C-alpha atoms as a PDB file:
ATOM      1  CA  MET A   1       0.003  -0.107  -0.034  1.00  0.00           C
ATOM      2  CA  ASN A   2       1.371   3.413  -1.025  1.00  0.00           C
ATOM      3  CA  SER A   3       0.492   5.131   2.143  1.00  0.00           C
ATOM      4  CA  ILE A   4       1.527   5.261   5.860  1.00  0.00           C
ATOM      5  CA  LEU A   5      -0.237   5.831   9.221  1.00  0.00           C
ATOM      6  CA  LEU A   6       0.667   8.404  11.820  1.00  0.00           C
ATOM      7  CA  ILE A   7      -0.771   8.267  15.373  1.00  0.00           C
ATOM      8  CA  PRO A   8       0.172  10.507  18.285  1.00  0.00           C
ATOM      9  CA  ILE A   9      -0.356   8.967  21.837  1.00  0.00           C
ATOM     10  CA  TYR A  10      -0.209  10.506  25.213  1.00  0.00           C
ATOM     11  CA  GLU A  11      -0.415   8.402  28.368  1.00  0.00           C
ATOM     12  CA  PRO A  12      -1.943   5.270  26.804  1.00  0.00           C
ATOM     13  CA  SER A  13      -4.627   3.460  28.758  1.00  0.00           C
ATOM     14  CA  ASP A  14      -5.482  -0.251  28.677  1.00  0.00           C
ATOM     15  CA  LYS A  15      -8.044   0.519  26.089  1.00  0.00           C
ATOM     16  CA  THR A  16      -5.437   2.156  23.941  1.00  0.00           C
ATOM     17  CA  VAL A  17      -3.078  -0.808  24.294  1.00  0.00           C
ATOM     18  CA  ARG A  18      -5.944  -3.212  23.196  1.00  0.00           C
ATOM     19  CA  PHE A  19      -6.916  -1.088  20.240  1.00  0.00           C
ATOM     20  CA  MET A  20      -3.288  -0.543  19.072  1.00  0.00           C
ATOM     21  CA  LYS A  21      -2.441  -4.240  19.249  1.00  0.00           C
ATOM     22  CA  GLN A  22      -5.533  -4.973  16.995  1.00  0.00           C
ATOM     23  CA  LEU A  23      -4.714  -2.218  14.727  1.00  0.00           C
ATOM     24  CA  ILE A  24      -1.096  -3.145  14.290  1.00  0.00           C
ATOM     25  CA  ALA A  25      -1.958  -6.854  13.725  1.00  0.00           C
ATOM     26  CA  THR A  26      -4.495  -5.846  11.007  1.00  0.00           C
ATOM     27  CA  LEU A  27      -2.712  -3.188   8.966  1.00  0.00           C
ATOM     28  CA  PRO A  28       0.445  -4.172   7.039  1.00  0.00           C
ATOM     29  CA  VAL A  29       1.370  -0.557   6.331  1.00  0.00           C
ATOM     30  CA  PRO A  30       4.100   1.350   8.116  1.00  0.00           C
ATOM     31  CA  ILE A  31       2.816   2.930  11.224  1.00  0.00           C
ATOM     32  CA  VAL A  32       4.520   5.890  12.966  1.00  0.00           C
ATOM     33  CA  ILE A  33       3.701   6.156  16.575  1.00  0.00           C
ATOM     34  CA  VAL A  34       4.624   9.318  18.422  1.00  0.00           C
ATOM     35  CA  ASP A  35       4.732   9.224  22.344  1.00  0.00           C
ATOM     36  CA  ASP A  36       3.949  12.879  23.140  1.00  0.00           C
ATOM     37  CA  GLY A  37       5.970  12.999  26.405  1.00  0.00           C
ATOM     38  CA  SER A  38       4.019  10.472  28.399  1.00  0.00           C
ATOM     39  CA  GLY A  39       6.966   9.977  30.688  1.00  0.00           C
ATOM     40  CA  SER A  40       9.057   6.972  31.825  1.00  0.00           C
ATOM     41  CA  GLU A  41       6.266   5.379  33.732  1.00  0.00           C
ATOM     42  CA  TYR A  42       4.576   4.564  30.375  1.00  0.00           C
ATOM     43  CA  HIS A  43       7.671   2.917  28.716  1.00  0.00           C
ATOM     44  CA  ASP A  44       6.507  -0.580  29.531  1.00  0.00           C
ATOM     45  CA  THR A  45       3.007   0.249  28.230  1.00  0.00           C
ATOM     46  CA  PHE A  46       4.238   1.376  24.860  1.00  0.00           C
ATOM     47  CA  GLN A  47       6.489  -1.659  24.687  1.00  0.00           C
ATOM     48  CA  GLN A  48       3.421  -3.902  24.555  1.00  0.00           C
ATOM     49  CA  PHE A  49       2.521  -2.745  21.066  1.00  0.00           C
ATOM     50  CA  VAL A  50       5.513  -1.073  19.392  1.00  0.00           C
ATOM     51  CA  GLN A  51       7.717  -4.180  18.788  1.00  0.00           C
ATOM     52  CA  GLU A  52       6.386  -5.077  15.376  1.00  0.00           C
ATOM     53  CA  GLN A  53       8.761  -4.567  12.445  1.00  0.00           C
ATOM     54  CA  HIS A  54       6.401  -2.149  10.606  1.00  0.00           C
ATOM     55  CA  VAL A  55       5.955   0.070  13.646  1.00  0.00           C
ATOM     56  CA  HIS A  56       8.241   3.122  13.864  1.00  0.00           C
ATOM     57  CA  PHE A  57       8.226   4.464  17.538  1.00  0.00           C
ATOM     58  CA  LEU A  58       9.214   8.042  18.220  1.00  0.00           C
ATOM     59  CA  SER A  59       9.222   9.721  21.644  1.00  0.00           C
ATOM     60  CA  TYR A  60      10.459  12.777  23.464  1.00  0.00           C
ATOM     61  CA  PRO A  61      10.591  13.328  27.335  1.00  0.00           C
ATOM     62  CA  ILE A  62       8.173  16.234  27.977  1.00  0.00           C
ATOM     63  CA  ASN A  63       4.560  16.608  26.824  1.00  0.00           C
ATOM     64  CA  GLN A  64       4.234  19.191  23.953  1.00  0.00           C
ATOM     65  CA  GLY A  65       0.711  18.660  22.684  1.00  0.00           C
ATOM     66  CA  LYS A  66      -0.986  16.914  19.723  1.00  0.00           C
ATOM     67  CA  GLY A  67      -0.082  19.604  17.207  1.00  0.00           C
ATOM     68  CA  PHE A  68       3.617  19.215  18.117  1.00  0.00           C
ATOM     69  CA  ALA A  69       3.337  15.387  17.943  1.00  0.00           C
ATOM     70  CA  LEU A  70       1.705  15.422  14.605  1.00  0.00           C
ATOM     71  CA  ARG A  71       4.398  17.650  13.092  1.00  0.00           C
ATOM     72  CA  TYR A  72       7.194  15.654  14.721  1.00  0.00           C
ATOM     73  CA  GLY A  73       5.697  12.544  12.978  1.00  0.00           C
ATOM     74  CA  MET A  74       5.307  14.306   9.729  1.00  0.00           C
ATOM     75  CA  ARG A  75       8.997  15.303   9.708  1.00  0.00           C
ATOM     76  CA  TYR A  76       9.905  11.665  10.214  1.00  0.00           C
ATOM     77  CA  ILE A  77       7.645  10.509   7.364  1.00  0.00           C
ATOM     78  CA  GLU A  78       9.096  13.208   5.096  1.00  0.00           C
ATOM     79  CA  LYS A  79      12.598  11.982   5.813  1.00  0.00           C
ATOM     80  CA  HIS A  80      12.156   8.210   5.796  1.00  0.00           C
ATOM     81  CA  PHE A  81       9.156   7.684   3.571  1.00  0.00           C
ATOM     82  CA  PRO A  82       9.312  10.287   0.823  1.00  0.00           C
ATOM     83  CA  GLU A  83       8.204   7.719  -1.712  1.00  0.00           C
ATOM     84  CA  LYS A  84       4.822   7.322  -0.059  1.00  0.00           C
ATOM     85  CA  ASN A  85       1.998   9.109  -1.903  1.00  0.00           C
ATOM     86  CA  GLY A  86       0.080   9.937   1.218  1.00  0.00           C
ATOM     87  CA  PHE A  87      -0.382   9.451   4.897  1.00  0.00           C
ATOM     88  CA  VAL A  88      -3.212   9.349   7.319  1.00  0.00           C
ATOM     89  CA  THR A  89      -3.453  10.796  10.821  1.00  0.00           C
ATOM     90  CA  ALA A  90      -5.731   8.936  13.376  1.00  0.00           C
ATOM     91  CA  ASP A  91      -6.504   8.932  17.053  1.00  0.00           C
ATOM     92  CA  SER A  92      -5.436   6.108  19.421  1.00  0.00           C
ATOM     93  CA  ASP A  93      -8.559   6.152  21.693  1.00  0.00           C
ATOM     94  CA  GLY A  94     -10.759   3.947  19.484  1.00  0.00           C
ATOM     95  CA  GLN A  95     -12.892   6.759  18.151  1.00  0.00           C
ATOM     96  CA  HIS A  96     -11.777   5.690  14.627  1.00  0.00           C
ATOM     97  CA  THR A  97     -12.601   2.107  13.698  1.00  0.00           C
ATOM     98  CA  ILE A  98      -9.949  -0.069  11.929  1.00  0.00           C
ATOM     99  CA  GLN A  99     -12.313  -0.262   8.957  1.00  0.00           C
ATOM    100  CA  ASP A 100     -12.485   3.536   8.693  1.00  0.00           C
ATOM    101  CA  ILE A 101      -8.631   3.902   9.089  1.00  0.00           C
ATOM    102  CA  THR A 102      -8.218   1.308   6.272  1.00  0.00           C
ATOM    103  CA  ARG A 103     -10.470   3.279   3.906  1.00  0.00           C
ATOM    104  CA  ALA A 104      -8.466   6.392   4.800  1.00  0.00           C
ATOM    105  CA  LEU A 105      -5.269   4.622   3.887  1.00  0.00           C
ATOM    106  CA  GLU A 106      -6.757   3.469   0.561  1.00  0.00           C
ATOM    107  CA  LYS A 107      -7.643   7.084  -0.282  1.00  0.00           C
ATOM    108  CA  ALA A 108      -4.151   8.117   0.755  1.00  0.00           C
ATOM    109  CA  GLN A 109      -2.697   6.116  -2.030  1.00  0.00           C
ATOM    110  CA  PHE A 110      -4.231   8.227  -4.634  1.00  0.00           C
ATOM    111  CA  ILE A 111      -4.562  11.626  -2.946  1.00  0.00           C
ATOM    112  CA  GLN A 112      -3.491  14.648  -4.976  1.00  0.00           C
ATOM    113  CA  SER A 113      -1.083  17.135  -3.869  1.00  0.00           C
ATOM    114  CA  ASN A 114      -3.831  19.854  -3.659  1.00  0.00           C
ATOM    115  CA  GLN A 115      -6.244  17.695  -1.660  1.00  0.00           C
ATOM    116  CA  ILE A 116      -7.107  17.164   2.019  1.00  0.00           C
ATOM    117  CA  ILE A 117      -9.638  14.441   2.785  1.00  0.00           C
ATOM    118  CA  LEU A 118     -11.435  14.236   6.222  1.00  0.00           C
ATOM    119  CA  GLY A 119     -13.320  11.371   7.832  1.00  0.00           C
ATOM    120  CA  ILE A 120     -16.455  13.106   9.021  1.00  0.00           C
ATOM    121  CA  ARG A 121     -18.699  11.923  11.909  1.00  0.00           C
ATOM    122  CA  SER A 122     -22.406  12.537  12.015  1.00  0.00           C
ATOM    123  CA  PHE A 123     -23.567  14.048  15.292  1.00  0.00           C
ATOM    124  CA  SER A 124     -26.943  13.740  17.098  1.00  0.00           C
ATOM    125  CA  LYS A 125     -27.732  15.369  20.245  1.00  0.00           C
ATOM    126  CA  GLU A 126     -28.970  12.138  21.797  1.00  0.00           C
ATOM    127  CA  ALA A 127     -25.895  10.011  20.965  1.00  0.00           C
ATOM    128  CA  THR A 128     -23.174  12.630  21.519  1.00  0.00           C
ATOM    129  CA  PRO A 129     -21.699  13.730  24.890  1.00  0.00           C
ATOM    130  CA  THR A 130     -22.789  17.119  25.664  1.00  0.00           C
ATOM    131  CA  LYS A 131     -19.465  18.812  25.597  1.00  0.00           C
ATOM    132  CA  SER A 132     -18.631  17.255  22.236  1.00  0.00           C
ATOM    133  CA  TYR A 133     -22.069  18.090  20.766  1.00  0.00           C
ATOM    134  CA  TYR A 134     -22.072  21.709  21.475  1.00  0.00           C
ATOM    135  CA  GLY A 135     -18.387  22.041  21.023  1.00  0.00           C
ATOM    136  CA  ASN A 136     -18.592  20.665  17.458  1.00  0.00           C
ATOM    137  CA  ARG A 137     -21.686  22.769  16.779  1.00  0.00           C
ATOM    138  CA  LEU A 138     -19.997  25.968  17.925  1.00  0.00           C
ATOM    139  CA  THR A 139     -16.732  25.266  16.095  1.00  0.00           C
ATOM    140  CA  SER A 140     -18.564  24.331  12.878  1.00  0.00           C
ATOM    141  CA  GLN A 141     -20.525  27.593  12.785  1.00  0.00           C
ATOM    142  CA  LEU A 142     -17.313  29.644  13.557  1.00  0.00           C
ATOM    143  CA  PHE A 143     -15.460  27.773  10.847  1.00  0.00           C
ATOM    144  CA  ARG A 144     -18.209  28.378   8.301  1.00  0.00           C
ATOM    145  CA  PHE A 145     -18.328  32.025   9.159  1.00  0.00           C
ATOM    146  CA  ALA A 146     -14.565  32.380   8.758  1.00  0.00           C
ATOM    147  CA  THR A 147     -14.221  30.375   5.581  1.00  0.00           C
ATOM    148  CA  LYS A 148     -17.621  29.915   3.990  1.00  0.00           C
ATOM    149  CA  ILE A 149     -17.038  26.173   4.111  1.00  0.00           C
ATOM    150  CA  LYS A 150     -19.852  24.027   5.507  1.00  0.00           C
ATOM    151  CA  LEU A 151     -18.092  21.264   7.598  1.00  0.00           C
ATOM    152  CA  GLU A 152     -20.081  19.387  10.279  1.00  0.00           C
ATOM    153  CA  ASP A 153     -17.034  17.919  11.960  1.00  0.00           C
ATOM    154  CA  THR A 154     -14.074  20.311  12.264  1.00  0.00           C
ATOM    155  CA  GLN A 155     -12.471  18.333  15.129  1.00  0.00           C
ATOM    156  CA  THR A 156     -11.998  15.027  13.374  1.00  0.00           C
ATOM    157  CA  GLY A 157      -8.607  13.405  13.777  1.00  0.00           C
ATOM    158  CA  LEU A 158      -8.874  11.062  10.904  1.00  0.00           C
ATOM    159  CA  ARG A 159      -7.291  13.022   8.073  1.00  0.00           C
ATOM    160  CA  VAL A 160      -5.671  12.203   4.799  1.00  0.00           C
ATOM    161  CA  PHE A 161      -2.799  14.237   3.375  1.00  0.00           C
ATOM    162  CA  ALA A 162      -0.375  14.009   0.465  1.00  0.00           C
ATOM    163  CA  THR A 163       3.171  13.552   1.616  1.00  0.00           C
ATOM    164  CA  ILE A 164       4.334  16.435  -0.640  1.00  0.00           C
ATOM    165  CA  GLN A 165       2.147  18.759   1.553  1.00  0.00           C
ATOM    166  CA  ILE A 166       4.335  18.099   4.683  1.00  0.00           C
ATOM    167  CA  PRO A 167       6.618  21.314   4.298  1.00  0.00           C
ATOM    168  CA  ASN A 168       3.475  23.387   4.425  1.00  0.00           C
ATOM    169  CA  LEU A 169       1.881  21.318   7.129  1.00  0.00           C
ATOM    170  CA  VAL A 170       4.853  21.472   9.493  1.00  0.00           C
ATOM    171  CA  ALA A 171       4.808  25.385   9.022  1.00  0.00           C
ATOM    172  CA  ILE A 172       1.372  25.729  10.354  1.00  0.00           C
ATOM    173  CA  LYS A 173       1.300  27.044  13.988  1.00  0.00           C
ATOM    174  CA  GLY A 174      -0.211  25.359  17.018  1.00  0.00           C
ATOM    175  CA  ASN A 175       1.204  22.737  19.402  1.00  0.00           C
ATOM    176  CA  ARG A 176      -1.979  21.416  20.889  1.00  0.00           C
ATOM    177  CA  PHE A 177      -5.579  20.799  19.690  1.00  0.00           C
ATOM    178  CA  GLU A 178      -5.809  24.249  17.958  1.00  0.00           C
ATOM    179  CA  TYR A 179      -3.238  22.880  15.296  1.00  0.00           C
ATOM    180  CA  GLU A 180      -5.926  20.729  13.507  1.00  0.00           C
ATOM    181  CA  MET A 181      -8.165  23.770  13.279  1.00  0.00           C
ATOM    182  CA  ASN A 182      -5.299  25.929  11.915  1.00  0.00           C
ATOM    183  CA  VAL A 183      -4.836  23.315   9.248  1.00  0.00           C
ATOM    184  CA  LEU A 184      -8.349  23.799   8.125  1.00  0.00           C
ATOM    185  CA  LEU A 185      -8.024  27.578   8.221  1.00  0.00           C
ATOM    186  CA  ALA A 186      -4.958  27.267   5.925  1.00  0.00           C
ATOM    187  CA  LEU A 187      -6.939  25.517   3.133  1.00  0.00           C
ATOM    188  CA  LYS A 188      -7.385  28.803   1.191  1.00  0.00           C
ATOM    189  CA  GLU A 189      -3.900  29.915   1.761  1.00  0.00           C
ATOM    190  CA  PHE A 190      -2.386  26.684   0.307  1.00  0.00           C
ATOM    191  CA  GLU A 191      -5.159  26.404  -2.356  1.00  0.00           C
ATOM    192  CA  TRP A 192      -6.044  22.945  -1.083  1.00  0.00           C
ATOM    193  CA  ASP A 193      -9.337  21.432  -1.933  1.00  0.00           C
ATOM    194  CA  LEU A 194     -11.350  19.730   0.951  1.00  0.00           C
ATOM    195  CA  GLU A 195     -13.038  16.318   0.420  1.00  0.00           C
ATOM    196  CA  THR A 196     -14.905  14.283   3.059  1.00  0.00           C
ATOM    197  CA  PHE A 197     -16.164  10.753   3.610  1.00  0.00           C
ATOM    198  CA  THR A 198     -18.524   9.514   6.355  1.00  0.00           C
ATOM    199  CA  ILE A 199     -17.168   7.387   9.096  1.00  0.00           C
ATOM    200  CA  GLU A 200     -18.690   5.719  12.233  1.00  0.00           C
ATOM    201  CA  THR A 201     -19.345   7.971  15.186  1.00  0.00           C
ATOM    202  CA  ILE A 202     -18.002   6.464  18.412  1.00  0.00           C
ATOM    203  CA  TYR A 203     -18.148   7.956  21.866  1.00  0.00           C
ATOM    204  CA  GLU A 204     -17.594   5.572  24.793  1.00  0.00           C
ATOM    205  CA  ASN A 205     -17.954   6.399  28.493  1.00  0.00           C
ATOM    206  CA  ASN A 206     -19.079   9.893  27.627  1.00  0.00           C
ATOM    207  CA  ASN A 207     -15.728  10.498  25.900  1.00  0.00           C
ATOM    208  CA  GLU A 208     -13.949  10.485  29.278  1.00  0.00           C
ATOM    209  CA  GLN A 209     -10.621   9.167  27.826  1.00  0.00           C
ATOM    210  CA  THR A 210      -9.905  12.261  25.727  1.00  0.00           C
ATOM    211  CA  HIS A 211      -7.131  14.658  26.742  1.00  0.00           C
ATOM    212  CA  PHE A 212      -9.061  17.558  25.257  1.00  0.00           C
ATOM    213  CA  ARG A 213      -9.384  20.169  28.060  1.00  0.00           C
ATOM    214  CA  PRO A 214     -12.849  21.826  27.568  1.00  0.00           C
ATOM    215  CA  ILE A 215     -12.075  25.401  28.563  1.00  0.00           C
ATOM    216  CA  LYS A 216      -8.292  25.844  27.835  1.00  0.00           C
ATOM    217  CA  ASP A 217      -8.185  23.870  24.595  1.00  0.00           C
ATOM    218  CA  SER A 218     -11.444  25.316  23.338  1.00  0.00           C
ATOM    219  CA  LEU A 219      -9.860  28.757  23.687  1.00  0.00           C
ATOM    220  CA  LEU A 220      -6.960  27.571  21.620  1.00  0.00           C
ATOM    221  CA  VAL A 221      -9.278  26.131  18.897  1.00  0.00           C
ATOM    222  CA  TYR A 222     -11.310  29.337  18.805  1.00  0.00           C
ATOM    223  CA  PHE A 223      -8.323  31.569  19.037  1.00  0.00           C
ATOM    224  CA  PRO A 224      -8.024  32.354  15.376  1.00  0.00           C
ATOM    225  CA  PHE A 225     -11.592  33.774  15.428  1.00  0.00           C
ATOM    226  CA  LEU A 226     -11.110  35.482  18.733  1.00  0.00           C
ATOM    227  CA  ARG A 227      -7.990  37.405  17.551  1.00  0.00           C
ATOM    228  CA  PHE A 228      -9.976  38.978  14.618  1.00  0.00           C
ATOM    229  CA  LEU A 229     -12.796  39.755  16.987  1.00  0.00           C
ATOM    230  CA  LEU A 230     -10.513  41.448  19.521  1.00  0.00           C
ATOM    231  CA  SER A 231      -8.682  43.438  16.763  1.00  0.00           C
ATOM    232  CA  SER A 232     -11.976  44.679  15.457  1.00  0.00           C
ATOM    233  CA  LEU A 233     -13.334  45.522  18.963  1.00  0.00           C
ATOM    234  CA  THR A 234     -10.056  47.405  19.711  1.00  0.00           C
ATOM    235  CA  SER A 235     -10.338  49.319  16.454  1.00  0.00           C
ATOM    236  CA  SER A 236     -14.059  49.947  17.056  1.00  0.00           C
ATOM    237  CA  PHE A 237     -13.321  51.456  20.513  1.00  0.00           C
ATOM    238  CA  VAL A 238     -10.768  53.746  18.873  1.00  0.00           C
ATOM    239  CA  ASP A 239     -13.118  54.632  16.102  1.00  0.00           C
ATOM    240  CA  ILE A 240     -16.200  55.214  18.352  1.00  0.00           C
ATOM    241  CA  GLY A 241     -14.254  56.994  21.051  1.00  0.00           C
ATOM    242  CA  PHE A 242     -12.490  59.477  18.640  1.00  0.00           C
ATOM    243  CA  PHE A 243     -15.894  59.842  16.787  1.00  0.00           C
ATOM    244  CA  MET A 244     -17.830  60.915  19.917  1.00  0.00           C
ATOM    245  CA  LEU A 245     -14.989  63.201  20.904  1.00  0.00           C
ATOM    246  CA  LEU A 246     -14.916  64.953  17.589  1.00  0.00           C
ATOM    247  CA  SER A 247     -18.640  65.201  17.458  1.00  0.00           C
ATOM    248  CA  LEU A 248     -18.644  67.125  20.690  1.00  0.00           C
ATOM    249  CA  VAL A 249     -15.886  69.480  19.428  1.00  0.00           C
ATOM    250  CA  LEU A 250     -17.226  69.969  15.744  1.00  0.00           C
ATOM    251  CA  GLY A 251     -20.931  69.873  16.488  1.00  0.00           C
ATOM    252  CA  LYS A 252     -23.819  67.848  15.114  1.00  0.00           C
ATOM    253  CA  ALA A 253     -24.387  69.469  11.860  1.00  0.00           C
ATOM    254  CA  GLY A 254     -24.472  66.991   8.932  1.00  0.00           C
ATOM    255  CA  GLU A 255     -21.170  68.057   7.324  1.00  0.00           C
ATOM    256  CA  MET A 256     -19.458  67.958  10.760  1.00  0.00           C
ATOM    257  CA  ILE A 257     -20.822  64.526  11.556  1.00  0.00           C
ATOM    258  CA  PHE A 258     -19.319  63.211   8.294  1.00  0.00           C
ATOM    259  CA  LEU A 259     -15.985  64.906   9.000  1.00  0.00           C
ATOM    260  CA  ALA A 260     -16.022  63.304  12.500  1.00  0.00           C
ATOM    261  CA  THR A 261     -16.764  59.968  10.896  1.00  0.00           C
ATOM    262  CA  LEU A 262     -13.930  60.436   8.399  1.00  0.00           C
ATOM    263  CA  LEU A 263     -11.279  61.336  10.943  1.00  0.00           C
ATOM    264  CA  ALA A 264     -12.218  58.692  13.389  1.00  0.00           C
ATOM    265  CA  ARG A 265     -12.290  55.981  10.641  1.00  0.00           C
ATOM    266  CA  VAL A 266      -8.753  56.984   9.389  1.00  0.00           C
ATOM    267  CA  THR A 267      -7.365  56.652  12.896  1.00  0.00           C
ATOM    268  CA  ALA A 268      -9.089  53.374  13.490  1.00  0.00           C
ATOM    269  CA  GLY A 269      -8.160  51.969  10.149  1.00  0.00           C
ATOM    270  CA  ILE A 270      -4.476  52.480  10.693  1.00  0.00           C
ATOM    271  CA  CYS A 271      -4.726  50.762  14.008  1.00  0.00           C
ATOM    272  CA  ASN A 272      -6.797  47.959  12.578  1.00  0.00           C
ATOM    273  CA  TYR A 273      -4.443  47.325   9.599  1.00  0.00           C
ATOM    274  CA  TYR A 274      -1.437  46.745  11.771  1.00  0.00           C
ATOM    275  CA  LEU A 275      -3.262  44.641  14.289  1.00  0.00           C
ATOM    276  CA  ASN A 276      -4.684  42.490  11.509  1.00  0.00           C
ATOM    277  CA  LYS A 277      -1.413  42.170   9.727  1.00  0.00           C
ATOM    278  CA  GLN A 278       0.678  41.171  12.755  1.00  0.00           C
ATOM    279  CA  PHE A 279      -1.739  39.864  15.268  1.00  0.00           C
ATOM    280  CA  VAL A 280      -4.589  38.120  13.423  1.00  0.00           C
ATOM    281  CA  PHE A 281      -3.307  36.913  10.032  1.00  0.00           C
ATOM    282  CA  SER A 282       0.474  36.845  10.929  1.00  0.00           C
ATOM    283  CA  ASP A 283       1.236  38.339   7.487  1.00  0.00           C
ATOM    284  CA  GLU A 284       5.066  38.618   7.054  1.00  0.00           C
ATOM    285  CA  ALA A 285       4.796  39.965   3.525  1.00  0.00           C
ATOM    286  CA  PRO A 286       6.057  43.574   2.914  1.00  0.00           C
ATOM    287  CA  VAL A 287       3.643  46.249   3.776  1.00  0.00           C
ATOM    288  CA  GLN A 288       3.319  47.389   0.200  1.00  0.00           C
ATOM    289  CA  LYS A 289       1.855  44.095  -0.832  1.00  0.00           C
ATOM    290  CA  SER A 290      -1.214  44.344   1.312  1.00  0.00           C
ATOM    291  CA  SER A 291      -1.492  47.972   2.188  1.00  0.00           C
ATOM    292  CA  TRP A 292      -2.913  49.080  -1.190  1.00  0.00           C
ATOM    293  CA  LYS A 293      -5.629  46.315  -0.940  1.00  0.00           C
ATOM    294  CA  TYR A 294      -6.475  47.418   2.561  1.00  0.00           C
ATOM    295  CA  LEU A 295      -6.671  51.008   1.447  1.00  0.00           C
ATOM    296  CA  VAL A 296      -9.264  50.063  -1.169  1.00  0.00           C
ATOM    297  CA  LEU A 297     -11.288  48.295   1.472  1.00  0.00           C
ATOM    298  CA  PHE A 298     -10.740  51.078   3.948  1.00  0.00           C
ATOM    299  CA  ILE A 299     -12.048  53.713   1.552  1.00  0.00           C
ATOM    300  CA  ALA A 300     -15.079  51.618   0.678  1.00  0.00           C
ATOM    301  CA  GLN A 301     -15.885  51.177   4.267  1.00  0.00           C
ATOM    302  CA  LEU A 302     -15.173  54.772   4.949  1.00  0.00           C
ATOM    303  CA  VAL A 303     -17.598  56.086   2.333  1.00  0.00           C
ATOM    304  CA  ILE A 304     -20.292  53.489   3.228  1.00  0.00           C
ATOM    305  CA  SER A 305     -19.900  54.265   7.031  1.00  0.00           C
ATOM    306  CA  GLY A 306     -19.832  58.121   6.510  1.00  0.00           C
ATOM    307  CA  VAL A 307     -22.817  58.200   4.214  1.00  0.00           C
ATOM    308  CA  SER A 308     -24.802  55.865   6.244  1.00  0.00           C
ATOM    309  CA  VAL A 309     -24.246  57.415   9.653  1.00  0.00           C
ATOM    310  CA  SER A 310     -24.888  60.887   8.133  1.00  0.00           C
ATOM    311  CA  ALA A 311     -28.067  59.817   6.593  1.00  0.00           C
ATOM    312  CA  LEU A 312     -29.410  57.922   9.495  1.00  0.00           C
ATOM    313  CA  SER A 313     -28.674  60.782  11.872  1.00  0.00           C
ATOM    314  CA  THR A 314     -31.415  62.705  10.176  1.00  0.00           C
ATOM    315  CA  ILE A 315     -33.842  59.936  11.179  1.00  0.00           C
ATOM    316  CA  PHE A 316     -32.551  58.755  14.610  1.00  0.00           C
ATOM    317  CA  SER A 317     -31.193  60.953  17.427  1.00  0.00           C
ATOM    318  CA  SER A 318     -28.662  58.561  19.016  1.00  0.00           C
ATOM    319  CA  LEU A 319     -25.335  58.790  17.130  1.00  0.00           C
ATOM    320  CA  LEU A 320     -23.749  56.032  19.150  1.00  0.00           C
ATOM    321  CA  ILE A 321     -26.480  53.566  18.298  1.00  0.00           C
ATOM    322  CA  ILE A 322     -26.329  54.517  14.651  1.00  0.00           C
ATOM    323  CA  LYS A 323     -22.480  54.142  14.615  1.00  0.00           C
ATOM    324  CA  LEU A 324     -22.632  50.637  16.241  1.00  0.00           C
ATOM    325  CA  PHE A 325     -25.387  49.398  13.886  1.00  0.00           C
ATOM    326  CA  VAL A 326     -23.500  50.624  10.768  1.00  0.00           C
ATOM    327  CA  ASP A 327     -20.088  49.230  11.835  1.00  0.00           C
ATOM    328  CA  LEU A 328     -21.428  45.846  13.015  1.00  0.00           C
ATOM    329  CA  SER A 329     -22.873  45.452   9.509  1.00  0.00           C
ATOM    330  CA  LEU A 330     -19.590  46.155   7.859  1.00  0.00           C
ATOM    331  CA  PHE A 331     -17.689  43.812  10.309  1.00  0.00           C
ATOM    332  CA  PHE A 332     -18.737  40.569   8.515  1.00  0.00           C
ATOM    333  CA  PHE A 333     -18.048  42.002   5.148  1.00  0.00           C
ATOM    334  CA  SER A 334     -14.507  43.206   6.153  1.00  0.00           C
ATOM    335  CA  PHE A 335     -13.526  39.940   7.657  1.00  0.00           C
ATOM    336  CA  GLN A 336     -14.147  37.965   4.507  1.00  0.00           C
ATOM    337  CA  ILE A 337     -12.278  40.507   2.303  1.00  0.00           C
ATOM    338  CA  GLN A 338      -9.267  40.596   4.558  1.00  0.00           C
ATOM    339  CA  LYS A 339      -9.127  36.854   4.957  1.00  0.00           C
ATOM    340  CA  TYR A 340      -9.295  35.883   1.366  1.00  0.00           C
ATOM    341  CA  PHE A 341      -7.990  38.838  -0.510  1.00  0.00           C
ATOM    342  CA  ILE A 342      -5.875  41.278   1.559  1.00  0.00           C
ATOM    343  CA  PHE A 343      -3.673  38.914   3.807  1.00  0.00           C
ATOM    344  CA  ASN A 344      -3.998  35.806   1.662  1.00  0.00           C
ATOM    345  CA  HIS A 345      -0.347  35.202   0.689  1.00  0.00           C
ATOM    346  CA  THR A 346      -1.327  33.175  -2.463  1.00  0.00           C
ATOM    347  CA  THR A 347      -3.272  35.988  -4.010  1.00  0.00           C
END
């Protein structure tokens, strides 16, 4: 089979040992197992299932997180198995059946260099643990908002990649569970097509074995979205604060309101550009590559905001409410343009 399997493991349980023994006995493909710093007390546990000839066992002393472990294994695959067309990442807790992993390995044999294939679970409220059900729903909606891609299962660990994609994959940031979300957010940047296939949905013992930390790791998963929101809120506070100050100084005549909006937007725009470039999208390209695009968006928003606020001020008395309404409407438009046009390195 022209594919390889990569599995990160942290503190394997008896259930993990049973599953891995069965998996290794069933699959004849090379299997790269990464011990994500479980510690010396788990040495004998790993030795129960890593002795087979087609198993490649990697380890390091300190726990680094799933994202780190995946990249660690990818580098090994790139160095030792460059001839393999594709590889599969899977979890060790039994959430992926051997049959589904086998199907993924078959797909990896023929995956194209511009493809990513995900094994997608179907979620029902009755059959899914509460934290997993609502976590997946929230993440799915946020992901759709950010990328315009409808994906029911953004947290699946059963993924198929082309080996040639490894240099890009190891460059993606994130050491823990947020890494897998960051890979999906990079689809547009690397111009990768997303394909899916349905797999069995398995949650045993209310998913208690997972090492996913609901609060801390959820914040890491949602952090790419939160960064843009924080940047926008910061710029909005600058915009609104400066606008209200200028409106007090210049007065509330229609032309003065437009001027106050103009000056406030310029100040907030400069702030927002640098926050988004450095903090949100981590754009290392020269300023001149993105600044002119941002300027076009900035002018468009400036005109729309100024005209809208000025016009609505003749109907409604509260300038603050008018300003908030107009800018909230522009928020969604601005995110999409910046994500896919201004700070997209491939454009």
